[in-house]
C-alpha cells in the first residue's frame, strides 16, 4: 500500500535508467535500508553501492525518510531519523533507536497462576484507609504473598543471577495477567475469575516494520494501532525487574574488551514482584511506558508504567489515564556487568 519507486533514486545515483536498472516498487523501509547500508534493490546490477555524495540522491532519500517517520508515527512511538550534513549516513539511526525496556526478568507460569489467585481471590483483612491514602498508595510490601518474598530482602543481585531466571525479550512468548472483562467498563473489585494467565508474544507485528513494536507510550492511547487495545484490552505484566542501557555511560566489557553501554537493572524496593501496565491484541502484547521520574531520568527519558497492586483495578478500568504520572514510584538502579 505504501510504496515508493526505485527509479528516481537509481537515476540520481547513476545518471541513467535502463535495462540494468529496472524500476521496482520499494516499501519505505527498503528505501531507508538502501541508503543507510549502501545497498540497492535486488534487480539492480550496478554493484549495490549508493553514491551518497550526490545531492539529488540525498534529497530523494530525505523525502523517503520523512515518509517513513510519518508511518512510524502511526504507532505513536516514532523516532527522529537524521542524516549528517554531508549526506553520509553510515549506519543511520533507526526509527526506534530510542526504544526502551527490551528486556525484563519474568515469572514462571506457576508463579503467575499463584499471583492471579491472590490478586482476585481471598485477601487478609486490612485497616480501612482514607480516600487520599487510597489515591496515593505508598510503594512498599503489601499483604500479597508474592513468590519468594520471604527471601527477597536478603538476596543480592549476584546471588540471584546464579539462579535460574526467566529472561524475556521482544518476540518471547511469556505469561501475562489478562482480565476476563472489558477494560473499557472495568470492575469495582477483582473477584475470583476476573483475571487469568495468557501466553502472549511480546510485541505487535505490523506490515510496515519488520520488527515487533514492544513499547507503547501512554500518551499515544488514541493512535490507530493502539486505540482498540488501550480501550478494551489492557493487561498486566508481572516481573522481578527490568533492564535499561544508559544513554551516556559506558564500560569496558570483561568478555570482549570493547567499550559498551552501561546497563542497569531496576527494581522497586520492598516489592519482589513488579507490576507493569500492558495492552494486548490477540496473542500479542506491548508494554506501556510513560515519562521517566527522577530515579529513571538519568538513564532514560522513559520508564515502564509501574503499578502498585492496589492500582490494578484502576489500570483495568476506564480511568486508567490518571496513572500516567509515576513520579512517586521509587526505583533502585543496580549496575549490570
C-alpha atoms as a PDB file:
ATOM      1  CA  UNK A   1       0.000   0.000   0.000  1.00  0.00           C
ATOM      2  CA  UNK A   2       2.752   2.422   0.966  1.00  0.00           C
ATOM      3  CA  UNK A   3       5.300   2.304  -1.849  1.00  0.00           C
ATOM      4  CA  UNK A   4       7.939   4.497  -3.413  1.00  0.00           C
ATOM      5  CA  UNK A   5       9.617   3.754  -6.705  1.00  0.00           C
ATOM      6  CA  UNK A   6      13.288   2.993  -7.071  1.00  0.00           C
ATOM      7  CA  UNK A   7      13.704   4.640 -10.492  1.00  0.00           C
ATOM      8  CA  UNK A   8      14.326   8.270  -9.332  1.00  0.00           C
ATOM      9  CA  UNK A   9      16.667   7.019  -6.617  1.00  0.00           C
ATOM     10  CA  UNK A  10      18.665   4.981  -9.124  1.00  0.00           C
ATOM     11  CA  UNK A  11      18.705   7.761 -11.699  1.00  0.00           C
ATOM     12  CA  UNK A  12      20.087  10.236  -9.182  1.00  0.00           C
ATOM     13  CA  UNK A  13      22.833   7.821  -8.198  1.00  0.00           C
ATOM     14  CA  UNK A  14      23.924   6.617 -11.604  1.00  0.00           C
ATOM     15  CA  UNK A  15      22.657   9.210 -14.061  1.00  0.00           C
ATOM     16  CA  UNK A  16      20.856   6.626 -16.139  1.00  0.00           C
ATOM     17  CA  UNK A  17      17.879   4.302 -16.005  1.00  0.00           C
ATOM     18  CA  UNK A  18      17.984   1.497 -18.479  1.00  0.00           C
ATOM     19  CA  UNK A  19      17.893  -2.231 -18.859  1.00  0.00           C
ATOM     20  CA  UNK A  20      20.252  -2.716 -15.925  1.00  0.00           C
ATOM     21  CA  UNK A  21      18.152  -0.512 -13.647  1.00  0.00           C
ATOM     22  CA  UNK A  22      14.639  -1.850 -13.921  1.00  0.00           C
ATOM     23  CA  UNK A  23      12.285   0.276 -11.803  1.00  0.00           C
ATOM     24  CA  UNK A  24      10.981  -1.715  -8.886  1.00  0.00           C
ATOM     25  CA  UNK A  25       8.439  -0.605  -6.267  1.00  0.00           C
ATOM     26  CA  UNK A  26      10.089  -0.468  -2.859  1.00  0.00           C
ATOM     27  CA  UNK A  27       8.449  -0.237   0.504  1.00  0.00           C
ATOM     28  CA  UNK A  28       9.610   2.736   2.520  1.00  0.00           C
ATOM     29  CA  UNK A  29      11.644   0.657   4.927  1.00  0.00           C
ATOM     30  CA  UNK A  30      13.509  -0.882   1.941  1.00  0.00           C
ATOM     31  CA  UNK A  31      14.360   2.559   0.584  1.00  0.00           C
ATOM     32  CA  UNK A  32      15.543   3.571   4.049  1.00  0.00           C
ATOM     33  CA  UNK A  33      17.755   0.488   4.313  1.00  0.00           C
ATOM     34  CA  UNK A  34      19.167   1.129   0.826  1.00  0.00           C
ATOM     35  CA  UNK A  35      20.518   4.482   1.924  1.00  0.00           C
ATOM     36  CA  UNK A  36      21.549   3.523   5.459  1.00  0.00           C
ATOM     37  CA  UNK A  37      23.532   0.467   4.430  1.00  0.00           C
ATOM     38  CA  UNK A  38      24.610   1.414   0.907  1.00  0.00           C
ATOM     39  CA  UNK A  39      22.694  -1.343  -0.843  1.00  0.00           C
ATOM     40  CA  UNK A  40      20.392  -1.282  -3.831  1.00  0.00           C
ATOM     41  CA  UNK A  41      17.323  -3.253  -4.843  1.00  0.00           C
ATOM     42  CA  UNK A  42      17.863  -6.870  -5.847  1.00  0.00           C
ATOM     43  CA  UNK A  43      17.098  -6.140  -9.518  1.00  0.00           C
ATOM     44  CA  UNK A  44      19.828  -3.552  -9.875  1.00  0.00           C
ATOM     45  CA  UNK A  45      23.171  -4.654 -11.380  1.00  0.00           C
ATOM     46  CA  UNK A  46      25.143  -1.536 -10.545  1.00  0.00           C
ATOM     47  CA  UNK A  47      27.018  -3.272  -7.728  1.00  0.00           C
ATOM     48  CA  UNK A  48      24.699  -2.280  -4.936  1.00  0.00           C
ATOM     49  CA  UNK A  49      26.568   0.793  -3.677  1.00  0.00           C
ATOM     50  CA  UNK A  50      24.937   4.183  -3.201  1.00  0.00           C
ATOM     51  CA  UNK A  51      26.946   7.256  -4.150  1.00  0.00           C
ATOM     52  CA  UNK A  52      25.981   9.234  -1.087  1.00  0.00           C
ATOM     53  CA  UNK A  53      27.891  12.352  -2.101  1.00  0.00           C
ATOM     54  CA  UNK A  54      25.368  13.167  -4.832  1.00  0.00           C
ATOM     55  CA  UNK A  55      22.921  15.801  -3.626  1.00  0.00           C
ATOM     56  CA  UNK A  56      19.946  14.579  -5.732  1.00  0.00           C
ATOM     57  CA  UNK A  57      20.108  11.138  -4.126  1.00  0.00           C
ATOM     58  CA  UNK A  58      20.302  12.661  -0.671  1.00  0.00           C
ATOM     59  CA  UNK A  59      17.267  14.862  -1.316  1.00  0.00           C
ATOM     60  CA  UNK A  60      15.200  11.938  -2.557  1.00  0.00           C
ATOM     61  CA  UNK A  61      16.121   9.699   0.344  1.00  0.00           C
ATOM     62  CA  UNK A  62      15.396  12.523   2.783  1.00  0.00           C
ATOM     63  CA  UNK A  63      11.864  12.548   1.429  1.00  0.00           C
ATOM     64  CA  UNK A  64      11.637   8.784   1.838  1.00  0.00           C
ATOM     65  CA  UNK A  65      12.840   9.054   5.423  1.00  0.00           C
ATOM     66  CA  UNK A  66      10.252  11.716   6.170  1.00  0.00           C
ATOM     67  CA  UNK A  67       7.597   9.376   4.807  1.00  0.00           C
ATOM     68  CA  UNK A  68       8.967   6.518   6.911  1.00  0.00           C
ATOM     69  CA  UNK A  69       8.831   8.675  10.020  1.00  0.00           C
ATOM     70  CA  UNK A  70       5.228   9.576   9.216  1.00  0.00           C
ATOM     71  CA  UNK A  71       4.302   5.900   9.016  1.00  0.00           C
ATOM     72  CA  UNK A  72       6.145   5.230  12.266  1.00  0.00           C
ATOM     73  CA  UNK A  73       4.191   7.981  13.991  1.00  0.00           C
ATOM     74  CA  UNK A  74       1.030   5.972  13.339  1.00  0.00           C
ATOM     75  CA  UNK A  75       2.229   3.743  16.177  1.00  0.00           C
ATOM     76  CA  UNK A  76       2.595   6.733  18.451  1.00  0.00           C
ATOM     77  CA  UNK A  77       6.234   5.999  19.295  1.00  0.00           C
ATOM     78  CA  UNK A  78       8.127   7.448  16.341  1.00  0.00           C
ATOM     79  CA  UNK A  79      11.795   8.324  16.452  1.00  0.00           C
ATOM     80  CA  UNK A  80      13.860  11.022  14.784  1.00  0.00           C
ATOM     81  CA  UNK A  81      15.695   9.777  11.695  1.00  0.00           C
ATOM     82  CA  UNK A  82      18.601  12.074  10.877  1.00  0.00           C
ATOM     83  CA  UNK A  83      21.248  12.418   8.179  1.00  0.00           C
ATOM     84  CA  UNK A  84      24.583  14.152   8.578  1.00  0.00           C
ATOM     85  CA  UNK A  85      25.241  17.382   6.737  1.00  0.00           C
ATOM     86  CA  UNK A  86      27.435  15.865   4.032  1.00  0.00           C
ATOM     87  CA  UNK A  87      24.896  13.178   3.216  1.00  0.00           C
ATOM     88  CA  UNK A  88      26.938  10.334   4.653  1.00  0.00           C
ATOM     89  CA  UNK A  89      24.621   8.365   6.864  1.00  0.00           C
ATOM     90  CA  UNK A  90      26.728   5.342   7.715  1.00  0.00           C
ATOM     91  CA  UNK A  91      24.503   3.230   9.880  1.00  0.00           C
ATOM     92  CA  UNK A  92      21.696   5.744  10.190  1.00  0.00           C
ATOM     93  CA  UNK A  93      19.697   5.953  13.379  1.00  0.00           C
ATOM     94  CA  UNK A  94      16.734   3.546  13.297  1.00  0.00           C
ATOM     95  CA  UNK A  95      13.133   4.628  13.632  1.00  0.00           C
ATOM     96  CA  UNK A  96      13.019   3.046  17.066  1.00  0.00           C
ATOM     97  CA  UNK A  97      16.558   3.833  18.181  1.00  0.00           C
ATOM     98  CA  UNK A  98      15.373   5.329  21.481  1.00  0.00           C
ATOM     99  CA  UNK A  99      13.023   2.487  22.355  1.00  0.00           C
ATOM    100  CA  UNK A 100      13.324   1.367  25.943  1.00  0.00           C
ATOM    101  CA  UNK A 101      12.974  -1.726  28.074  1.00  0.00           C
ATOM    102  CA  UNK A 102      13.622  -4.547  25.629  1.00  0.00           C
ATOM    103  CA  UNK A 103      14.418  -6.989  28.442  1.00  0.00           C
ATOM    104  CA  UNK A 104      12.859  -7.912  31.751  1.00  0.00           C
ATOM    105  CA  UNK A 105      13.043 -10.770  34.229  1.00  0.00           C
ATOM    106  CA  UNK A 106       9.789 -12.674  34.069  1.00  0.00           C
ATOM    107  CA  UNK A 107       7.965 -15.243  36.178  1.00  0.00           C
ATOM    108  CA  UNK A 108       7.093 -18.863  35.556  1.00  0.00           C
ATOM    109  CA  UNK A 109       3.583 -19.985  34.632  1.00  0.00           C
ATOM    110  CA  UNK A 110       3.093 -21.405  38.130  1.00  0.00           C
ATOM    111  CA  UNK A 111       4.116 -18.139  39.787  1.00  0.00           C
ATOM    112  CA  UNK A 112       1.786 -16.107  37.578  1.00  0.00           C
ATOM    113  CA  UNK A 113      -1.068 -18.509  38.344  1.00  0.00           C
ATOM    114  CA  UNK A 114      -0.379 -18.024  42.032  1.00  0.00           C
ATOM    115  CA  UNK A 115      -0.438 -14.245  41.624  1.00  0.00           C
ATOM    116  CA  UNK A 116      -3.723 -14.407  39.729  1.00  0.00           C
ATOM    117  CA  UNK A 117      -5.287 -16.381  42.572  1.00  0.00           C
ATOM    118  CA  UNK A 118      -4.074 -13.925  45.186  1.00  0.00           C
ATOM    119  CA  UNK A 119      -4.957 -10.780  43.245  1.00  0.00           C
ATOM    120  CA  UNK A 120      -8.506 -11.915  42.527  1.00  0.00           C
ATOM    121  CA  UNK A 121      -9.102 -14.243  45.472  1.00  0.00           C
ATOM    122  CA  UNK A 122      -9.416 -14.007  49.228  1.00  0.00           C
ATOM    123  CA  UNK A 123      -7.141 -11.451  50.907  1.00  0.00           C
ATOM    124  CA  UNK A 124      -6.330 -10.804  54.564  1.00  0.00           C
ATOM    125  CA  UNK A 125      -8.293  -8.104  56.321  1.00  0.00           C
ATOM    126  CA  UNK A 126      -6.597  -4.705  56.353  1.00  0.00           C
ATOM    127  CA  UNK A 127      -7.456  -1.465  58.154  1.00  0.00           C
ATOM    128  CA  UNK A 128      -9.600   0.985  56.268  1.00  0.00           C
ATOM    129  CA  UNK A 129      -7.742   3.922  54.738  1.00  0.00           C
ATOM    130  CA  UNK A 130      -8.852   7.386  53.807  1.00  0.00           C
ATOM    131  CA  UNK A 131      -9.636   8.234  50.146  1.00  0.00           C
ATOM    132  CA  UNK A 132      -6.447  10.294  49.970  1.00  0.00           C
ATOM    133  CA  UNK A 133      -4.343   7.328  51.062  1.00  0.00           C
ATOM    134  CA  UNK A 134      -6.099   5.063  48.584  1.00  0.00           C
ATOM    135  CA  UNK A 135      -5.465   7.506  45.743  1.00  0.00           C
ATOM    136  CA  UNK A 136      -1.745   7.774  46.510  1.00  0.00           C
ATOM    137  CA  UNK A 137      -0.596   4.397  47.893  1.00  0.00           C
ATOM    138  CA  UNK A 138       2.844   4.019  49.414  1.00  0.00           C
ATOM    139  CA  UNK A 139       5.137   1.728  47.426  1.00  0.00           C
ATOM    140  CA  UNK A 140       6.042  -0.902  49.988  1.00  0.00           C
ATOM    141  CA  UNK A 141       5.499  -4.593  50.621  1.00  0.00           C
ATOM    142  CA  UNK A 142       1.749  -5.197  50.872  1.00  0.00           C
ATOM    143  CA  UNK A 143      -0.382  -8.075  52.090  1.00  0.00           C
ATOM    144  CA  UNK A 144       0.050 -10.125  48.914  1.00  0.00           C
ATOM    145  CA  UNK A 145       2.123 -13.247  49.419  1.00  0.00           C
ATOM    146  CA  UNK A 146       4.458 -12.684  46.496  1.00  0.00           C
ATOM    147  CA  UNK A 147       6.510 -15.659  45.279  1.00  0.00           C
ATOM    148  CA  UNK A 148       9.767 -15.938  47.240  1.00  0.00           C
ATOM    149  CA  UNK A 149       9.024 -12.679  49.049  1.00  0.00           C
ATOM    150  CA  UNK A 150      10.337 -14.068  52.319  1.00  0.00           C
ATOM    151  CA  UNK A 151      13.866 -14.269  50.888  1.00  0.00           C
ATOM    152  CA  UNK A 152      13.952 -11.290  48.567  1.00  0.00           C
ATOM    153  CA  UNK A 153      15.221  -8.781  51.139  1.00  0.00           C
ATOM    154  CA  UNK A 154      18.352 -10.809  51.903  1.00  0.00           C
ATOM    155  CA  UNK A 155      19.251 -11.882  48.357  1.00  0.00           C
ATOM    156  CA  UNK A 156      21.752  -9.818  46.406  1.00  0.00           C
ATOM    157  CA  UNK A 157      21.756  -9.341  42.650  1.00  0.00           C
ATOM    158  CA  UNK A 158      24.833 -11.521  42.327  1.00  0.00           C
ATOM    159  CA  UNK A 159      23.174 -14.381  44.212  1.00  0.00           C
ATOM    160  CA  UNK A 160      20.003 -14.018  42.163  1.00  0.00           C
ATOM    161  CA  UNK A 161      21.944 -14.119  38.916  1.00  0.00           C
ATOM    162  CA  UNK A 162      23.224 -17.575  39.812  1.00  0.00           C
ATOM    163  CA  UNK A 163      19.669 -18.895  39.985  1.00  0.00           C
ATOM    164  CA  UNK A 164      17.546 -19.880  37.029  1.00  0.00           C
ATOM    165  CA  UNK A 165      15.689 -16.729  35.967  1.00  0.00           C
ATOM    166  CA  UNK A 166      13.361 -16.265  33.017  1.00  0.00           C
ATOM    167  CA  UNK A 167      14.686 -13.556  30.699  1.00  0.00           C
ATOM    168  CA  UNK A 168      12.041 -12.055  28.419  1.00  0.00           C
ATOM    169  CA  UNK A 169      12.859 -10.211  25.190  1.00  0.00           C
ATOM    170  CA  UNK A 170      10.721  -8.972  22.269  1.00  0.00           C
ATOM    171  CA  UNK A 171       9.120 -11.912  20.406  1.00  0.00           C
ATOM    172  CA  UNK A 172       9.369 -14.082  23.548  1.00  0.00           C
ATOM    173  CA  UNK A 173       6.160 -15.902  24.467  1.00  0.00           C
ATOM    174  CA  UNK A 174       5.621 -15.366  28.186  1.00  0.00           C
ATOM    175  CA  UNK A 175       2.777 -15.438  30.759  1.00  0.00           C
ATOM    176  CA  UNK A 176       0.783 -12.213  31.120  1.00  0.00           C
ATOM    177  CA  UNK A 177      -2.077 -11.416  33.509  1.00  0.00           C
ATOM    178  CA  UNK A 178      -5.192 -10.543  31.480  1.00  0.00           C
ATOM    179  CA  UNK A 179      -8.708  -9.597  32.627  1.00  0.00           C
ATOM    180  CA  UNK A 180     -11.744 -11.626  31.645  1.00  0.00           C
ATOM    181  CA  UNK A 181     -13.793  -8.420  31.358  1.00  0.00           C
ATOM    182  CA  UNK A 182     -13.788  -5.423  29.012  1.00  0.00           C
ATOM    183  CA  UNK A 183     -11.401  -2.819  30.427  1.00  0.00           C
ATOM    184  CA  UNK A 184     -13.491  -0.046  28.858  1.00  0.00           C
ATOM    185  CA  UNK A 185     -16.065  -0.770  31.573  1.00  0.00           C
ATOM    186  CA  UNK A 186     -13.794  -2.133  34.294  1.00  0.00           C
ATOM    187  CA  UNK A 187     -14.885  -3.650  37.596  1.00  0.00           C
ATOM    188  CA  UNK A 188     -15.210  -2.251  41.083  1.00  0.00           C
ATOM    189  CA  UNK A 189     -13.208  -5.091  42.626  1.00  0.00           C
ATOM    190  CA  UNK A 190     -11.163  -8.007  41.355  1.00  0.00           C
ATOM    191  CA  UNK A 191     -13.154 -11.102  42.266  1.00  0.00           C
ATOM    192  CA  UNK A 192     -12.333 -14.772  41.618  1.00  0.00           C
ATOM    193  CA  UNK A 193     -12.329 -15.379  37.887  1.00  0.00           C
ATOM    194  CA  UNK A 194     -11.710 -11.725  36.992  1.00  0.00           C
ATOM    195  CA  UNK A 195      -8.107 -12.426  35.970  1.00  0.00           C
ATOM    196  CA  UNK A 196      -6.380 -15.236  34.143  1.00  0.00           C
ATOM    197  CA  UNK A 197      -2.987 -16.119  32.708  1.00  0.00           C
ATOM    198  CA  UNK A 198      -2.420 -15.917  28.957  1.00  0.00           C
ATOM    199  CA  UNK A 199       0.646 -16.927  26.939  1.00  0.00           C
ATOM    200  CA  UNK A 200       1.398 -13.944  24.683  1.00  0.00           C
ATOM    201  CA  UNK A 201       4.226 -12.874  22.378  1.00  0.00           C
ATOM    202  CA  UNK A 202       5.941  -9.621  23.329  1.00  0.00           C
ATOM    203  CA  UNK A 203       5.478  -7.099  20.527  1.00  0.00           C
ATOM    204  CA  UNK A 204       2.855  -6.060  17.982  1.00  0.00           C
ATOM    205  CA  UNK A 205       3.545  -7.173  14.421  1.00  0.00           C
ATOM    206  CA  UNK A 206       2.926  -4.623  11.664  1.00  0.00           C
ATOM    207  CA  UNK A 207       3.118  -4.615   7.871  1.00  0.00           C
ATOM    208  CA  UNK A 208       5.402  -1.587   7.740  1.00  0.00           C
ATOM    209  CA  UNK A 209       8.024  -2.649  10.289  1.00  0.00           C
ATOM    210  CA  UNK A 210       9.872  -5.989  10.199  1.00  0.00           C
ATOM    211  CA  UNK A 211      10.455  -5.834  13.963  1.00  0.00           C
ATOM    212  CA  UNK A 212       7.647  -6.037  16.530  1.00  0.00           C
ATOM    213  CA  UNK A 213       6.691  -2.870  18.414  1.00  0.00           C
ATOM    214  CA  UNK A 214       7.070  -3.782  22.075  1.00  0.00           C
ATOM    215  CA  UNK A 215       6.631  -0.400  23.814  1.00  0.00           C
ATOM    216  CA  UNK A 216       3.572   1.854  23.762  1.00  0.00           C
ATOM    217  CA  UNK A 217       3.502   5.406  25.079  1.00  0.00           C
ATOM    218  CA  UNK A 218       0.527   6.030  27.315  1.00  0.00           C
ATOM    219  CA  UNK A 219       0.228   9.449  25.657  1.00  0.00           C
ATOM    220  CA  UNK A 220      -0.469   7.632  22.365  1.00  0.00           C
ATOM    221  CA  UNK A 221      -3.633   5.873  23.505  1.00  0.00           C
ATOM    222  CA  UNK A 222      -5.616   7.447  20.653  1.00  0.00           C
ATOM    223  CA  UNK A 223      -3.255   6.315  17.865  1.00  0.00           C
ATOM    224  CA  UNK A 224      -4.921   3.913  15.407  1.00  0.00           C
ATOM    225  CA  UNK A 225      -2.645   0.962  16.130  1.00  0.00           C
ATOM    226  CA  UNK A 226      -3.209   1.197  19.898  1.00  0.00           C
ATOM    227  CA  UNK A 227      -6.719   2.631  20.206  1.00  0.00           C
ATOM    228  CA  UNK A 228      -8.733  -0.594  20.463  1.00  0.00           C
ATOM    229  CA  UNK A 229      -6.232  -2.300  22.757  1.00  0.00           C
ATOM    230  CA  UNK A 230      -5.940   0.685  25.084  1.00  0.00           C
ATOM    231  CA  UNK A 231      -9.710   0.917  25.310  1.00  0.00           C
ATOM    232  CA  UNK A 232     -10.734  -2.717  25.663  1.00  0.00           C
ATOM    233  CA  UNK A 233      -7.711  -4.962  26.253  1.00  0.00           C
ATOM    234  CA  UNK A 234      -5.357  -3.641  28.896  1.00  0.00           C
ATOM    235  CA  UNK A 235      -3.354  -6.243  30.786  1.00  0.00           C
ATOM    236  CA  UNK A 236      -0.676  -6.568  33.479  1.00  0.00           C
ATOM    237  CA  UNK A 237       2.920  -7.740  33.132  1.00  0.00           C
ATOM    238  CA  UNK A 238       4.431  -9.314  36.264  1.00  0.00           C
ATOM    239  CA  UNK A 239       8.215  -9.348  36.528  1.00  0.00           C
ATOM    240  CA  UNK A 240      11.068  -9.156  39.003  1.00  0.00           C
ATOM    241  CA  UNK A 241      12.974  -6.337  37.348  1.00  0.00           C
ATOM    242  CA  UNK A 242      13.527  -4.630  34.018  1.00  0.00           C
ATOM    243  CA  UNK A 243      16.758  -3.637  32.312  1.00  0.00           C
ATOM    244  CA  UNK A 244      17.816  -0.484  30.508  1.00  0.00           C
ATOM    245  CA  UNK A 245      21.016   0.782  28.888  1.00  0.00           C
ATOM    246  CA  UNK A 246      22.340   4.205  29.804  1.00  0.00           C
ATOM    247  CA  UNK A 247      22.407   6.761  27.021  1.00  0.00           C
ATOM    248  CA  UNK A 248      25.623   8.357  28.298  1.00  0.00           C
ATOM    249  CA  UNK A 249      27.554   5.910  30.497  1.00  0.00           C
ATOM    250  CA  UNK A 250      29.877   3.252  29.113  1.00  0.00           C
ATOM    251  CA  UNK A 251      32.073   0.479  30.479  1.00  0.00           C
ATOM    252  CA  UNK A 252      34.689  -1.937  29.183  1.00  0.00           C
ATOM    253  CA  UNK A 253      33.253  -5.386  28.524  1.00  0.00           C
ATOM    254  CA  UNK A 254      35.052  -8.051  30.519  1.00  0.00           C
ATOM    255  CA  UNK A 255      34.281 -10.602  27.812  1.00  0.00           C
ATOM    256  CA  UNK A 256      35.300  -8.733  24.656  1.00  0.00           C
ATOM    257  CA  UNK A 257      37.365  -5.823  25.969  1.00  0.00           C
ATOM    258  CA  UNK A 258      35.253  -3.382  23.961  1.00  0.00           C
ATOM    259  CA  UNK A 259      33.578  -0.247  25.224  1.00  0.00           C
ATOM    260  CA  UNK A 260      29.851  -0.910  25.625  1.00  0.00           C
ATOM    261  CA  UNK A 261      26.906   0.950  27.108  1.00  0.00           C
ATOM    262  CA  UNK A 262      26.367   0.556  30.826  1.00  0.00           C
ATOM    263  CA  UNK A 263      23.277  -1.498  31.606  1.00  0.00           C
ATOM    264  CA  UNK A 264      21.148  -1.094  34.721  1.00  0.00           C
ATOM    265  CA  UNK A 265      18.644  -3.385  36.421  1.00  0.00           C
ATOM    266  CA  UNK A 266      15.702  -1.570  38.025  1.00  0.00           C
ATOM    267  CA  UNK A 267      13.642  -2.833  40.949  1.00  0.00           C
ATOM    268  CA  UNK A 268      11.073  -1.350  43.331  1.00  0.00           C
ATOM    269  CA  UNK A 269      12.487  -1.509  46.881  1.00  0.00           C
ATOM    270  CA  UNK A 270      10.464  -3.779  49.146  1.00  0.00           C
ATOM    271  CA  UNK A 271       8.454  -5.283  46.280  1.00  0.00           C
ATOM    272  CA  UNK A 272       9.889  -8.560  44.963  1.00  0.00           C
ATOM    273  CA  UNK A 273       7.314  -8.622  42.167  1.00  0.00           C
ATOM    274  CA  UNK A 274       6.809  -5.603  39.923  1.00  0.00           C
ATOM    275  CA  UNK A 275       3.561  -4.988  38.038  1.00  0.00           C
ATOM    276  CA  UNK A 276       3.728  -3.106  34.717  1.00  0.00           C
ATOM    277  CA  UNK A 277       0.822  -1.931  32.598  1.00  0.00           C
ATOM    278  CA  UNK A 278       0.414  -3.549  29.203  1.00  0.00           C
ATOM    279  CA  UNK A 279      -2.022  -3.962  26.318  1.00  0.00           C
ATOM    280  CA  UNK A 280      -2.845  -6.985  24.205  1.00  0.00           C
ATOM    281  CA  UNK A 281      -4.063  -7.744  20.709  1.00  0.00           C
ATOM    282  CA  UNK A 282      -4.862 -11.374  20.053  1.00  0.00           C
ATOM    283  CA  UNK A 283      -1.765 -13.345  21.040  1.00  0.00           C
ATOM    284  CA  UNK A 284       0.494 -10.255  21.266  1.00  0.00           C
ATOM    285  CA  UNK A 285       1.170  -7.689  23.977  1.00  0.00           C
ATOM    286  CA  UNK A 286       3.056  -4.431  24.381  1.00  0.00           C
ATOM    287  CA  UNK A 287       4.499  -2.733  27.462  1.00  0.00           C
ATOM    288  CA  UNK A 288       3.162   0.718  28.382  1.00  0.00           C
ATOM    289  CA  UNK A 289       5.710   3.475  29.029  1.00  0.00           C
ATOM    290  CA  UNK A 290       5.444   6.962  30.474  1.00  0.00           C
ATOM    291  CA  UNK A 291       7.736   9.888  31.250  1.00  0.00           C
ATOM    292  CA  UNK A 292      10.660   8.925  33.463  1.00  0.00           C
ATOM    293  CA  UNK A 293      10.645  10.013  37.081  1.00  0.00           C
ATOM    294  CA  UNK A 294      13.645  11.421  38.938  1.00  0.00           C
ATOM    295  CA  UNK A 295      15.082   7.970  39.625  1.00  0.00           C
ATOM    296  CA  UNK A 296      14.886   6.816  35.994  1.00  0.00           C
ATOM    297  CA  UNK A 297      15.670  10.056  34.138  1.00  0.00           C
ATOM    298  CA  UNK A 298      19.493   9.853  34.479  1.00  0.00           C
ATOM    299  CA  UNK A 299      19.415   6.602  32.499  1.00  0.00           C
ATOM    300  CA  UNK A 300      16.487   7.023  30.075  1.00  0.00           C
ATOM    301  CA  UNK A 301      13.755   9.632  29.406  1.00  0.00           C
ATOM    302  CA  UNK A 302      11.038   6.942  29.533  1.00  0.00           C
ATOM    303  CA  UNK A 303      10.056   4.298  32.064  1.00  0.00           C
ATOM    304  CA  UNK A 304       7.577   1.423  32.217  1.00  0.00           C
ATOM    305  CA  UNK A 305       4.171   2.175  33.722  1.00  0.00           C
ATOM    306  CA  UNK A 306       4.850   0.540  37.099  1.00  0.00           C
ATOM    307  CA  UNK A 307       1.703  -0.226  39.083  1.00  0.00           C
ATOM    308  CA  UNK A 308       1.099  -0.776  42.772  1.00  0.00           C
ATOM    309  CA  UNK A 309      -1.103  -3.829  43.490  1.00  0.00           C
ATOM    310  CA  UNK A 310      -3.847  -1.514  44.756  1.00  0.00           C
ATOM    311  CA  UNK A 311      -3.843   0.315  41.401  1.00  0.00           C
ATOM    312  CA  UNK A 312      -4.624  -2.702  39.234  1.00  0.00           C
ATOM    313  CA  UNK A 313      -8.382  -2.099  39.243  1.00  0.00           C
ATOM    314  CA  UNK A 314      -7.771   1.495  38.135  1.00  0.00           C
ATOM    315  CA  UNK A 315      -5.463   0.374  35.329  1.00  0.00           C
ATOM    316  CA  UNK A 316      -8.014  -2.196  34.182  1.00  0.00           C
ATOM    317  CA  UNK A 317     -10.832   0.347  34.282  1.00  0.00           C
ATOM    318  CA  UNK A 318     -11.962   3.395  32.279  1.00  0.00           C
ATOM    319  CA  UNK A 319      -9.974   5.972  34.308  1.00  0.00           C
ATOM    320  CA  UNK A 320      -6.542   4.495  33.650  1.00  0.00           C
ATOM    321  CA  UNK A 321      -5.033   7.778  32.390  1.00  0.00           C
ATOM    322  CA  UNK A 322      -4.825   9.074  35.971  1.00  0.00           C
ATOM    323  CA  UNK A 323      -1.930   6.609  36.409  1.00  0.00           C
ATOM    324  CA  UNK A 324       0.266   8.269  33.762  1.00  0.00           C
ATOM    325  CA  UNK A 325       2.265  10.188  36.370  1.00  0.00           C
ATOM    326  CA  UNK A 326       4.722   7.768  38.006  1.00  0.00           C
ATOM    327  CA  UNK A 327       6.835  10.358  39.799  1.00  0.00           C
ATOM    328  CA  UNK A 328       6.048   8.775  43.190  1.00  0.00           C
ATOM    329  CA  UNK A 329       7.372   5.331  42.258  1.00  0.00           C
ATOM    330  CA  UNK A 330      10.738   4.639  43.927  1.00  0.00           C
ATOM    331  CA  UNK A 331      13.233   2.773  41.777  1.00  0.00           C
ATOM    332  CA  UNK A 332      16.541   1.207  42.748  1.00  0.00           C
ATOM    333  CA  UNK A 333      19.138   1.032  39.962  1.00  0.00           C
ATOM    334  CA  UNK A 334      21.813  -1.672  40.013  1.00  0.00           C
ATOM    335  CA  UNK A 335      24.751  -1.758  37.589  1.00  0.00           C
ATOM    336  CA  UNK A 336      24.892  -4.910  35.474  1.00  0.00           C
ATOM    337  CA  UNK A 337      28.191  -6.337  34.286  1.00  0.00           C
END
